[in-house]
Protein backbone atom coordinates (compact mmCIF):
# COMPACT_ATOMS: atom_id res chain seq x y z
CA MET A 1 -0.10 24.38 3.78
CA ALA A 2 -2.23 23.91 0.64
CA ILE A 3 -2.79 20.51 -0.66
CA SER A 4 -1.56 19.60 -4.21
CA TYR A 5 -2.87 16.85 -6.43
CA LEU A 6 -0.34 14.30 -7.78
CA PHE A 7 -1.90 12.60 -10.75
CA TYR A 8 -0.05 9.62 -11.82
CA ASP A 9 0.09 6.60 -14.01
CA ILE A 10 2.26 3.38 -14.18
CA GLU A 11 3.26 1.29 -17.00
CA SER A 12 4.53 -2.53 -15.53
CA THR A 13 6.02 -5.76 -16.88
CA GLY A 14 2.43 -7.34 -15.84
CA LEU A 15 -0.53 -7.62 -13.49
CA SER A 16 1.13 -9.30 -10.46
CA ARG A 17 1.37 -6.75 -7.72
CA ALA A 18 3.83 -8.90 -5.59
CA PHE A 19 6.23 -9.94 -8.48
CA ASP A 20 6.03 -7.66 -11.55
CA GLN A 21 7.72 -4.31 -11.49
CA VAL A 22 7.13 -0.78 -12.79
CA LEU A 23 8.75 0.27 -16.06
CA GLN A 24 7.39 3.93 -16.32
CA PHE A 25 5.99 6.06 -13.77
CA ALA A 26 4.62 9.61 -14.89
CA ALA A 27 3.12 12.26 -12.51
CA ILE A 28 1.86 15.80 -12.97
CA ARG A 29 1.41 17.77 -9.71
CA THR A 30 -1.27 20.44 -9.68
CA ASP A 31 -2.43 23.00 -7.23
CA TYR A 32 -5.75 22.42 -5.81
CA ARG A 33 -7.44 24.22 -8.64
CA LEU A 34 -5.78 21.62 -11.21
CA LYS A 35 -3.21 24.03 -12.39
CA GLU A 36 0.03 22.37 -13.35
CA LEU A 37 2.95 22.75 -11.02
CA GLU A 38 5.48 20.21 -12.24
CA ARG A 39 5.84 16.76 -13.94
CA HIS A 40 7.87 13.97 -13.86
CA ASP A 41 8.44 11.03 -16.22
CA ILE A 42 10.58 8.25 -14.62
CA LYS A 43 11.74 5.43 -16.94
CA VAL A 44 12.64 2.27 -15.04
CA LYS A 45 15.38 -0.46 -16.03
CA LEU A 46 13.94 -3.97 -16.31
CA ARG A 47 15.30 -5.96 -13.48
CA PRO A 48 17.38 -9.08 -14.47
CA ASP A 49 15.16 -11.54 -12.65
CA ILE A 50 11.82 -10.37 -14.02
CA VAL A 51 9.93 -12.29 -16.98
CA PRO A 52 7.84 -9.63 -18.67
CA SER A 53 4.19 -10.59 -19.45
CA PRO A 54 3.95 -10.74 -23.28
CA LEU A 55 0.17 -9.28 -22.89
CA ALA A 56 1.78 -6.60 -21.09
CA ILE A 57 4.31 -5.74 -23.59
CA LEU A 58 1.82 -5.84 -26.41
CA THR A 59 -0.29 -3.26 -24.28
CA ASN A 60 2.35 -0.92 -23.65
CA ARG A 61 4.30 -1.43 -26.66
CA ILE A 62 7.68 -0.95 -24.97
CA PRO A 63 10.55 -2.66 -27.28
CA VAL A 64 12.60 -5.09 -25.11
CA LEU A 65 15.81 -2.98 -25.90
CA ASP A 66 14.16 0.03 -24.29
CA LEU A 67 13.94 -1.87 -21.15
CA ALA A 68 17.61 -1.79 -20.60
CA LYS A 69 17.22 2.06 -20.28
CA GLY A 70 16.50 4.16 -17.32
CA GLN A 71 17.21 4.11 -13.43
CA CYS A 72 17.33 0.99 -11.52
CA GLU A 73 14.09 -0.15 -9.72
CA TYR A 74 15.47 0.74 -6.17
CA GLU A 75 16.54 4.35 -7.19
CA ALA A 76 13.25 4.90 -9.00
CA THR A 77 11.11 3.65 -6.31
CA CYS A 78 12.75 5.73 -3.71
CA GLN A 79 11.72 8.80 -5.92
CA ILE A 80 8.43 7.86 -6.62
CA HIS A 81 8.02 7.22 -2.88
CA ARG A 82 9.51 10.73 -2.04
CA LEU A 83 7.00 12.43 -4.56
CA MET A 84 3.99 10.66 -3.21
CA ASN A 85 4.89 11.49 0.50
CA GLU A 86 5.58 15.12 -0.23
CA PRO A 87 3.40 16.62 2.69
CA ASN A 88 -0.32 17.61 1.86
CA THR A 89 -0.01 15.55 -1.31
CA VAL A 90 -3.42 13.88 -2.66
CA SER A 91 -2.00 11.08 -5.08
CA LEU A 92 -4.66 10.09 -7.69
CA GLY A 93 -5.09 8.76 -11.18
CA TYR A 94 -7.59 6.77 -13.12
CA ASN A 95 -8.58 3.51 -11.35
CA THR A 96 -5.27 3.95 -9.39
CA LEU A 97 -6.91 2.56 -6.43
CA GLY A 98 -7.95 -0.55 -8.35
CA PHE A 99 -4.22 -1.34 -9.42
CA ASP A 100 -1.55 1.06 -9.41
CA ASP A 101 -1.72 1.98 -5.64
CA GLU A 102 -1.50 -1.59 -4.48
CA PHE A 103 1.26 -2.11 -7.12
CA LEU A 104 3.31 0.68 -5.62
CA ARG A 105 2.74 -0.49 -2.16
CA PHE A 106 4.40 -3.79 -3.00
CA SER A 107 7.34 -2.03 -4.69
CA PHE A 108 7.90 0.09 -1.45
CA HIS A 109 7.63 -3.10 0.31
CA ARG A 110 10.18 -4.79 -1.86
CA ASN A 111 12.67 -1.93 -1.45
CA LEU A 112 12.29 -1.48 2.25
CA LEU A 113 10.20 1.79 2.10
CA PRO A 114 7.24 2.40 4.15
CA PRO A 115 4.38 1.21 2.11
CA TYR A 116 1.43 3.01 3.52
CA THR A 117 2.68 6.50 4.71
CA HIS A 118 1.46 8.21 1.51
CA GLN A 119 -2.17 7.36 2.61
CA TYR A 120 -2.28 9.20 5.93
CA ARG A 121 1.11 10.84 7.04
CA ASN A 122 1.83 14.52 6.81
CA GLY A 123 -1.54 15.36 5.35
CA CYS A 124 -1.34 12.85 2.47
CA ARG A 125 -4.22 10.75 0.93
CA ARG A 126 -5.54 9.32 -1.85
CA MET A 127 -8.32 9.64 -4.56
CA ASP A 128 -9.44 7.93 -7.69
CA ILE A 129 -11.08 9.69 -10.82
CA TYR A 130 -12.63 6.42 -12.18
CA PRO A 131 -15.29 6.08 -9.46
CA ILE A 132 -16.24 9.82 -9.89
CA ALA A 133 -16.38 9.21 -13.72
CA ILE A 134 -19.01 6.54 -12.83
CA ILE A 135 -21.04 9.02 -10.81
CA PHE A 136 -21.03 11.66 -13.57
CA TRP A 137 -21.98 9.09 -15.92
CA LEU A 138 -24.91 7.93 -13.76
CA TYR A 139 -26.12 11.34 -12.73
CA ARG A 140 -24.54 14.14 -14.79
CA ARG A 141 -23.97 12.87 -18.20
CA GLN A 142 -24.26 16.19 -20.05
CA ILE A 143 -20.86 17.29 -19.22
CA LEU A 144 -18.93 14.69 -21.44
CA ASN A 145 -19.61 12.58 -24.54
CA TRP A 146 -19.59 9.13 -23.28
CA PRO A 147 -18.42 6.40 -25.64
CA GLU A 148 -20.03 3.14 -26.64
CA ILE A 149 -18.18 0.12 -27.76
CA ASP A 150 -20.29 -2.52 -29.58
CA GLY A 151 -23.16 -0.80 -28.28
CA LYS A 152 -22.15 -1.00 -24.80
CA PRO A 153 -20.93 1.92 -22.62
CA SER A 154 -17.26 2.37 -21.89
CA LEU A 155 -15.73 4.09 -19.14
CA ARG A 156 -12.12 3.00 -20.16
CA LEU A 157 -9.72 5.99 -20.09
CA GLU A 158 -8.57 5.70 -23.69
CA HIS A 159 -12.26 5.65 -24.76
CA LEU A 160 -13.07 8.60 -22.89
CA GLY A 161 -9.98 10.50 -24.13
CA ALA A 162 -10.59 9.75 -27.62
CA THR A 163 -14.43 10.46 -27.70
CA ASN A 164 -13.74 13.88 -25.92
CA ARG A 165 -10.60 14.66 -28.09
CA MET A 166 -8.42 14.70 -24.75
CA VAL A 167 -5.70 12.16 -26.02
CA THR A 168 -2.51 13.91 -26.72
CA GLY A 169 -0.27 10.65 -27.23
CA GLN A 170 -0.49 7.09 -27.53
CA SER A 171 -2.64 5.32 -24.75
CA HIS A 172 -1.00 3.31 -22.19
CA GLU A 173 1.92 5.48 -22.50
CA ALA A 174 2.08 6.84 -18.84
CA LEU A 175 2.36 10.43 -19.43
CA ALA A 176 -0.13 10.63 -22.11
CA ASP A 177 -2.57 8.82 -19.85
CA VAL A 178 -1.72 11.28 -17.08
CA GLU A 179 -2.75 14.24 -19.25
CA THR A 180 -5.75 12.70 -20.32
CA THR A 181 -6.76 12.10 -16.65
CA ILE A 182 -6.11 15.60 -15.44
CA GLU A 183 -8.06 17.01 -18.34
CA LEU A 184 -11.06 14.52 -17.52
CA ALA A 185 -10.68 15.91 -13.74
CA ARG A 186 -11.10 19.39 -14.96
CA ARG A 187 -14.36 18.82 -16.86
CA PHE A 188 -15.61 17.43 -13.61
CA PHE A 189 -14.12 20.23 -11.29
CA HIS A 190 -16.03 22.73 -13.37
CA GLU A 191 -19.16 20.95 -11.68
CA ASN A 192 -17.53 22.23 -8.28
CA GLN A 193 -20.47 21.43 -5.81
CA MET A 194 -20.44 17.97 -7.13
CA TRP A 195 -16.67 17.74 -7.24
CA GLN A 196 -16.49 18.65 -3.62
CA TYR A 197 -19.09 16.29 -2.44
CA LEU A 198 -17.44 13.43 -4.28
CA GLU A 199 -14.17 14.37 -3.10
CA GLY A 200 -15.63 13.73 0.67
CA TYR A 201 -15.97 9.95 -0.14
CA PHE A 202 -11.97 9.99 -0.26
CA ASP A 203 -11.71 11.43 3.27
CA LYS A 204 -11.90 8.73 6.10
CA GLU A 205 -13.86 10.88 8.46
CA THR A 206 -16.23 12.20 5.88
CA ASP A 207 -16.97 8.88 4.55
CA ALA A 208 -17.59 7.49 8.06
CA HIS A 209 -19.88 10.13 8.96
CA ARG A 210 -21.91 9.36 5.60
CA MET A 211 -22.19 5.68 6.38
CA LYS A 212 -23.62 6.74 9.92
CA GLU A 213 -26.17 8.97 8.26
CA LEU A 214 -27.45 6.00 6.02
CA PRO A 215 -30.98 4.88 7.12
CA VAL A 216 -31.44 1.76 9.05
CA ALA A 217 -33.22 -1.00 7.02
CA PHE A 218 -33.93 -3.16 10.13
CA GLN A 219 -32.35 -4.35 13.24
CA SER A 220 -31.11 -7.71 14.57
CA GLY A 221 -29.40 -9.30 17.32
CA ALA A 222 -26.22 -7.96 15.67
CA GLY A 223 -27.08 -4.54 15.69
CA ASP A 224 -28.46 -1.90 13.06
CA HIS A 225 -28.10 -2.82 9.33
CA ARG A 226 -28.00 0.25 7.26
CA GLN A 227 -28.99 0.34 3.64
CA GLY A 228 -27.49 2.27 0.76
CA LEU A 229 -26.23 1.82 -3.01
CA MET A 230 -22.63 0.58 -3.59
CA ILE A 231 -20.98 2.15 -6.57
CA GLY A 232 -17.91 0.56 -8.16
CA GLY A 233 -16.66 -0.22 -11.58
CA GLY A 234 -16.38 -4.19 -10.63
CA PHE A 235 -20.23 -4.18 -10.87
CA GLY A 236 -20.11 -3.57 -14.47
CA SER A 237 -22.34 -1.39 -16.80
CA ARG A 238 -25.20 -4.02 -17.15
CA GLN A 239 -25.76 -3.27 -13.37
CA ASN A 240 -25.25 0.54 -13.71
CA TYR A 241 -22.32 0.06 -11.69
CA GLN A 242 -24.33 -0.32 -8.58
CA ILE A 243 -25.61 -2.59 -6.30
CA PRO A 244 -27.90 -2.41 -3.08
CA VAL A 245 -26.23 -3.43 0.07
CA ILE A 246 -26.96 -3.67 3.84
CA SER A 247 -24.31 -3.14 6.56
CA ILE A 248 -23.30 -6.14 8.58
CA GLY A 249 -20.57 -4.63 10.88
CA GLU A 250 -16.79 -4.54 10.60
CA SER A 251 -14.36 -7.35 10.22
CA ILE A 252 -12.82 -8.75 13.43
CA PRO A 253 -9.16 -9.66 12.10
CA TYR A 254 -9.12 -6.62 10.01
CA PRO A 255 -10.72 -3.54 11.68
CA ASN A 256 -10.30 -1.20 8.78
CA GLN A 257 -12.83 -3.26 6.82
CA THR A 258 -16.50 -2.36 6.94
CA LEU A 259 -18.73 -5.34 5.59
CA TRP A 260 -21.65 -4.79 3.24
CA LEU A 261 -24.01 -7.51 2.27
CA ARG A 262 -25.22 -7.63 -1.54
CA MET A 263 -28.99 -7.58 -1.57
CA ASP A 264 -29.76 -8.31 -5.34
CA GLN A 265 -28.60 -11.94 -5.70
CA PRO A 266 -31.47 -14.55 -5.91
CA GLN A 267 -29.10 -17.06 -4.20
CA LEU A 268 -29.16 -15.10 -1.00
CA CYS A 269 -32.51 -16.71 0.20
CA GLU A 270 -31.28 -20.14 -0.64
CA ALA A 271 -28.34 -19.90 1.85
CA THR A 272 -27.78 -22.76 4.38
CA PRO A 273 -25.28 -22.87 7.18
CA GLN A 274 -23.01 -25.02 4.91
CA THR A 275 -23.51 -22.71 1.73
CA ILE A 276 -22.83 -19.37 2.91
CA ALA A 277 -19.57 -18.74 1.16
CA ASP A 278 -21.43 -19.86 -2.20
CA THR A 279 -24.81 -18.16 -1.76
CA THR A 280 -23.71 -14.92 -0.31
CA TRP A 281 -21.55 -12.06 -1.44
CA THR A 282 -20.04 -9.48 0.77
CA ILE A 283 -18.14 -6.31 -0.14
CA ARG A 284 -15.21 -5.26 1.95
CA LYS A 285 -15.04 -1.47 2.12
CA ARG A 286 -12.10 0.56 3.74
CA LEU A 287 -12.90 4.11 4.73
CA GLY A 288 -12.02 6.61 2.21
CA GLU A 289 -11.61 4.20 -0.55
CA PRO A 290 -14.17 2.81 -3.25
CA GLY A 291 -16.88 1.71 -3.56
CA ILE A 292 -18.80 4.91 -2.95
CA LEU A 293 -21.82 4.35 -0.70
CA LEU A 294 -24.92 6.52 -1.80
CA PRO A 295 -28.03 7.06 0.37
CA PRO A 296 -31.17 5.11 -0.84
CA HIS A 297 -32.83 8.24 -2.18
CA ASP A 298 -35.44 7.65 -4.75
CA ARG A 299 -33.27 9.35 -7.60
CA TYR A 300 -30.50 7.00 -6.87
CA TRP A 301 -32.52 3.87 -6.05
CA ARG A 302 -34.68 3.71 -9.27
CA ARG A 303 -31.50 3.16 -11.09
CA ILE A 304 -31.30 -0.43 -10.16
CA GLY A 305 -34.53 -1.07 -12.03
CA ASP A 306 -37.78 -2.87 -10.68
CA ASP A 307 -36.40 -6.39 -10.89
CA ARG A 308 -33.42 -5.68 -8.49
CA MET A 309 -35.82 -3.62 -6.24
CA ALA A 310 -38.03 -6.48 -5.82
CA MET A 311 -35.15 -8.80 -5.25
CA TYR A 312 -33.65 -6.53 -2.45
CA GLU A 313 -37.14 -6.44 -0.89
CA LYS A 314 -37.45 -10.30 -1.11
CA ASN A 315 -34.09 -10.76 0.44
CA LEU A 316 -34.67 -8.27 3.38
CA ARG A 317 -37.66 -10.05 4.44
CA TRP A 318 -36.06 -13.49 4.28
CA LEU A 319 -33.27 -12.09 6.56
CA GLN A 320 -35.73 -10.75 8.82
CA ASP A 321 -37.44 -14.25 8.78
CA ASN A 322 -34.21 -16.18 9.47
CA GLN A 323 -32.40 -14.14 11.71
CA LYS A 324 -30.56 -17.11 13.24
CA LEU A 325 -28.95 -18.11 9.85
CA PHE A 326 -28.55 -14.28 9.29
CA GLU A 327 -26.17 -13.86 12.26
CA ARG A 328 -24.33 -16.96 11.20
CA ILE A 329 -23.88 -15.22 7.73
CA ILE A 330 -22.65 -11.97 9.68
CA ASN A 331 -20.34 -14.09 12.00
CA TYR A 332 -18.89 -16.11 8.93
CA TYR A 333 -17.69 -12.61 7.24
CA ARG A 334 -16.90 -10.77 10.27
CA GLU A 335 -14.55 -13.60 11.54
CA TYR A 336 -13.11 -14.60 7.93
CA ARG A 337 -9.31 -14.55 7.60
CA TYR A 338 -7.45 -14.45 4.33
CA PRO A 339 -5.81 -17.95 3.91
CA PHE A 340 -2.30 -18.23 5.19
CA ILE A 341 0.34 -19.19 2.40
CA PRO A 342 3.18 -21.32 3.88
CA ASN A 343 6.63 -20.31 2.89
CA LEU A 344 5.49 -17.28 1.17
CA ASP A 345 8.26 -15.40 -0.71
CA ALA A 346 9.55 -12.22 0.87
CA ASP A 347 8.40 -9.96 -2.18
CA ALA A 348 4.82 -11.29 -1.69
CA SER A 349 4.86 -11.06 2.16
CA LEU A 350 3.44 -7.37 2.72
CA TYR A 351 -0.04 -8.37 4.18
CA GLN A 352 1.15 -11.59 5.69
CA ILE A 353 3.85 -10.53 7.97
CA GLY A 354 2.57 -7.20 9.26
CA PHE A 355 4.54 -4.47 10.70
CA TYR A 356 8.19 -4.42 11.12
CA SER A 357 9.32 -4.04 14.59
CA ARG A 358 10.24 -0.35 15.55
CA ALA A 359 14.01 -1.40 15.57
CA ASP A 360 13.53 -2.80 11.99
CA GLU A 361 11.69 0.23 10.87
CA LYS A 362 14.43 2.25 12.09
CA LEU A 363 17.05 0.05 10.44
CA CYS A 364 15.11 0.39 7.16
CA ARG A 365 15.56 4.22 7.30
CA THR A 366 19.42 3.58 8.02
CA PHE A 367 19.50 1.61 5.10
CA GLN A 368 17.89 4.09 2.68
CA GLU A 369 20.45 6.87 4.15
CA ALA A 370 23.52 4.65 3.98
CA PRO A 371 25.92 4.94 1.21
CA LEU A 372 25.75 1.87 -1.19
CA GLU A 373 28.95 0.36 -0.36
CA ASP A 374 27.75 0.44 3.47
CA LYS A 375 24.13 -1.28 2.85
CA ALA A 376 25.71 -4.74 2.81
CA ASP A 377 26.86 -4.35 6.40
CA LEU A 378 23.44 -3.68 7.52
CA ILE A 379 21.64 -6.68 6.25
CA GLY A 380 22.49 -8.99 9.06
CA ARG A 381 21.19 -6.43 11.64
CA PHE A 382 17.49 -6.96 10.73
CA LYS A 383 15.70 -9.23 12.98
CA SER A 384 12.94 -9.90 10.54
CA PRO A 385 13.84 -12.70 7.99
CA ASP A 386 11.92 -11.03 5.33
CA ALA A 387 13.63 -7.56 5.89
CA ARG A 388 17.08 -9.47 5.54
CA ILE A 389 15.95 -11.33 2.29
CA LEU A 390 14.73 -8.09 0.67
CA ALA A 391 17.87 -5.89 1.71
CA GLU A 392 19.92 -8.44 0.13
CA ARG A 393 17.78 -8.45 -2.96
CA VAL A 394 17.75 -4.64 -3.28
CA LEU A 395 21.50 -5.09 -3.72
CA TYR A 396 22.00 -7.94 -6.08
CA ARG A 397 18.87 -6.90 -8.30
CA ASN A 398 19.90 -3.41 -8.77
CA TYR A 399 23.71 -3.29 -8.69
CA PRO A 400 24.83 -6.79 -10.12
CA ASP A 401 28.13 -5.07 -11.24
CA ARG A 402 28.96 -4.13 -7.59
CA PHE A 403 27.84 -7.14 -5.85
CA ALA A 404 28.67 -10.87 -7.09
CA THR A 405 25.93 -13.41 -6.93
CA GLU A 406 28.22 -15.95 -5.80
CA THR A 407 28.66 -14.29 -2.63
CA ALA A 408 24.87 -14.48 -1.88
CA PRO A 409 23.68 -18.18 -1.53
CA GLY A 410 20.04 -16.88 -0.67
CA PHE A 411 19.88 -14.77 -3.67
CA LYS A 412 21.27 -17.69 -5.91
CA GLN A 413 18.59 -20.04 -4.46
CA TYR A 414 15.84 -17.49 -5.42
CA LEU A 415 17.35 -17.05 -8.98
CA GLN A 416 16.65 -20.78 -9.14
CA ARG A 417 13.13 -20.60 -7.75
CA ILE A 418 11.94 -18.26 -10.32
CA ASN A 419 12.71 -20.64 -13.30
CA PRO A 420 11.60 -23.85 -11.74
CA PRO A 421 12.27 -27.37 -13.71
CA ARG A 422 8.55 -28.13 -12.84
CA GLN A 423 5.72 -25.44 -13.16
CA LYS A 424 4.23 -26.57 -10.00
CA ASP A 425 7.27 -25.35 -8.05
CA ALA A 426 6.68 -21.91 -9.20
CA LEU A 427 6.76 -19.21 -6.40
CA VAL A 428 3.16 -18.03 -5.37
CA ASP A 429 1.83 -14.70 -4.27
CA TYR A 430 -0.45 -13.74 -1.26
CA ARG A 431 -3.41 -14.70 -3.48
CA ASN A 432 -1.94 -18.10 -4.30
CA GLN A 433 -1.21 -17.18 -7.80
CA LYS A 434 1.56 -18.31 -9.54
CA ARG A 435 4.56 -16.16 -10.68
CA THR A 436 5.13 -15.97 -14.22
CA THR A 437 8.02 -18.24 -15.13
CA PRO A 438 10.08 -18.16 -18.30
CA LYS A 439 8.31 -21.27 -19.67
CA ASP A 440 4.87 -19.78 -18.94
CA ALA A 441 5.86 -16.73 -20.98
CA LEU A 442 7.33 -18.66 -24.02
CA ILE A 443 3.92 -20.67 -24.03
CA GLU A 444 1.94 -17.60 -23.87
CA ILE A 445 4.12 -16.08 -26.94
CA SER A 446 3.33 -19.12 -28.93
CA ARG A 447 -0.10 -18.86 -28.29
CA LEU A 448 -0.33 -15.25 -29.22
CA HIS A 449 1.69 -15.75 -32.35
CA GLN A 450 -1.33 -17.80 -33.73
CA SER A 451 -3.70 -14.82 -33.51
CA ASP A 452 -4.79 -12.93 -36.64
CA GLU A 453 -5.33 -9.79 -34.66
CA LEU A 454 -1.60 -8.61 -34.13
CA ASP A 455 0.14 -5.98 -36.29
CA GLN A 456 3.48 -6.10 -37.52
CA GLU A 457 4.90 -4.17 -34.51
CA GLN A 458 3.42 -6.41 -32.15
CA LEU A 459 4.83 -9.54 -33.52
CA ARG A 460 8.23 -7.82 -33.48
CA LEU A 461 7.80 -7.05 -29.86
CA LEU A 462 6.88 -10.69 -29.10
CA ARG A 463 9.92 -12.07 -31.22
CA ASP A 464 12.12 -9.79 -29.22
CA LEU A 465 10.85 -10.58 -25.93
CA GLU A 466 10.98 -14.45 -26.82
CA ASN A 467 14.81 -13.86 -27.73
CA TYR A 468 15.36 -11.99 -24.71
CA ILE A 469 13.69 -14.64 -22.42
CA ARG A 470 15.63 -17.43 -24.04
CA ASP A 471 18.99 -15.50 -23.70
CA GLN A 472 18.49 -14.24 -20.36
CA PHE A 473 17.24 -17.32 -18.47
CA LYS A 474 19.30 -19.67 -20.57
CA ILE A 475 16.32 -21.49 -22.03
CA ASP A 476 17.31 -24.33 -24.64
CA THR A 477 14.69 -24.52 -27.42
CA ASP A 478 14.55 -28.09 -27.46
CA HIS A 479 14.38 -28.64 -23.97
CA GLN A 480 12.14 -26.05 -22.45
CA GLY A 481 11.02 -28.29 -19.41
CA GLN A 482 14.37 -28.93 -18.44
CA ALA A 483 15.29 -25.29 -18.30
CA SER A 484 17.85 -24.21 -15.75
CA ILE A 485 18.94 -20.65 -14.99
CA ASP A 486 22.30 -19.39 -15.45
CA PHE A 487 21.98 -15.74 -14.44
CA GLY A 488 24.01 -12.81 -15.57
CA GLU A 489 26.80 -14.33 -17.05
CA LYS A 490 26.92 -13.86 -20.82
């Protein structure tokens, strides 16, 4: 069966993968030659427990009144999951592997859907146009007009679209961004040999083979250390989006991660056993995902400039002369585990709880297939406490008219925790970052109101958002610090 590309984009209530939600999901499916086959534009109703980020509302310009329209999150997420898991689907977009894909994984997790199957099952896999755009900017610039903003190159989608007259609608409107991404991909696809070569970096087997083909910089007691150029948007235009690296093995607790030591940092040769975390920088790369690793051919290598080439050589000699310390650096990163977050909320627990048991996985499928009125009877059968919590939340978040909050003490307690009397009691995610509280949002709105850069539409969006938050979360204007939640009773 031939592959199809599913180009997609999301607009969300904020940047928190664990706690925010999708507001719009737009997708266009094409054949392998990028001819359109079908399109989807899914609007998602704002969950009543979500506090939208004021900056997100200013960016996507979705009025608060419009957030009451669309499908509930659960039904919309099920539809998105089906689209991305259609056999032989390559899901992709612009910087989707930098944000959207992980955001959707948490959406799937939150709604008891398999969060990873779109990456590998039934011929499905993922790509990303953003790192491909970087490679074209570096090595095949003639195919596009490349925008500059304030004298600096910009690879933002809206700037590329405007400069090359690809924009068909408002940027940060999901479907318009998808159309721009497809047009960009078509320009790249015309350079077919280069397109096929770059597509190989998103195939795990091809990516692994290319890593093994990289030349060995030197050997230590830990094995071969291969050298290459790591290409990625996070390195910035001042670094030409690329850094020299050497391989230092694979993570022990996370065997899907290969480890690459950055070699152009002057702090590296100042490392001591006590300062490894502060003086060294390692990139964790998964097979078939950015960054892209290019071999150190001269036509690539010279792009890092003479100063960084010299720093690479200096650091390489230092590692060879200090192999015991180098082995400590390697062991530090190979053995590193992400911090354990105690009492992590179920919404944010995807990475910390691991995979459900086979019995719970089967029960998740039963839960999805069961009629709405039968789903509540399945909650108590889950062995995983997180699965029980999430199953309960699916019902009470998405169908408040069918399921009374008073009958679910656990959900009622959750509603109190999302609007805590003290900011230090706010929920945190898997990175220990705080969930946006109603008070946080109101403080941010007040700060933004003082800006001279907002237009009248944006000011109106902020006023409407402020009124919504005060009303929805029953926040007294004069006693924000003592705010309490009275959810859903108006």
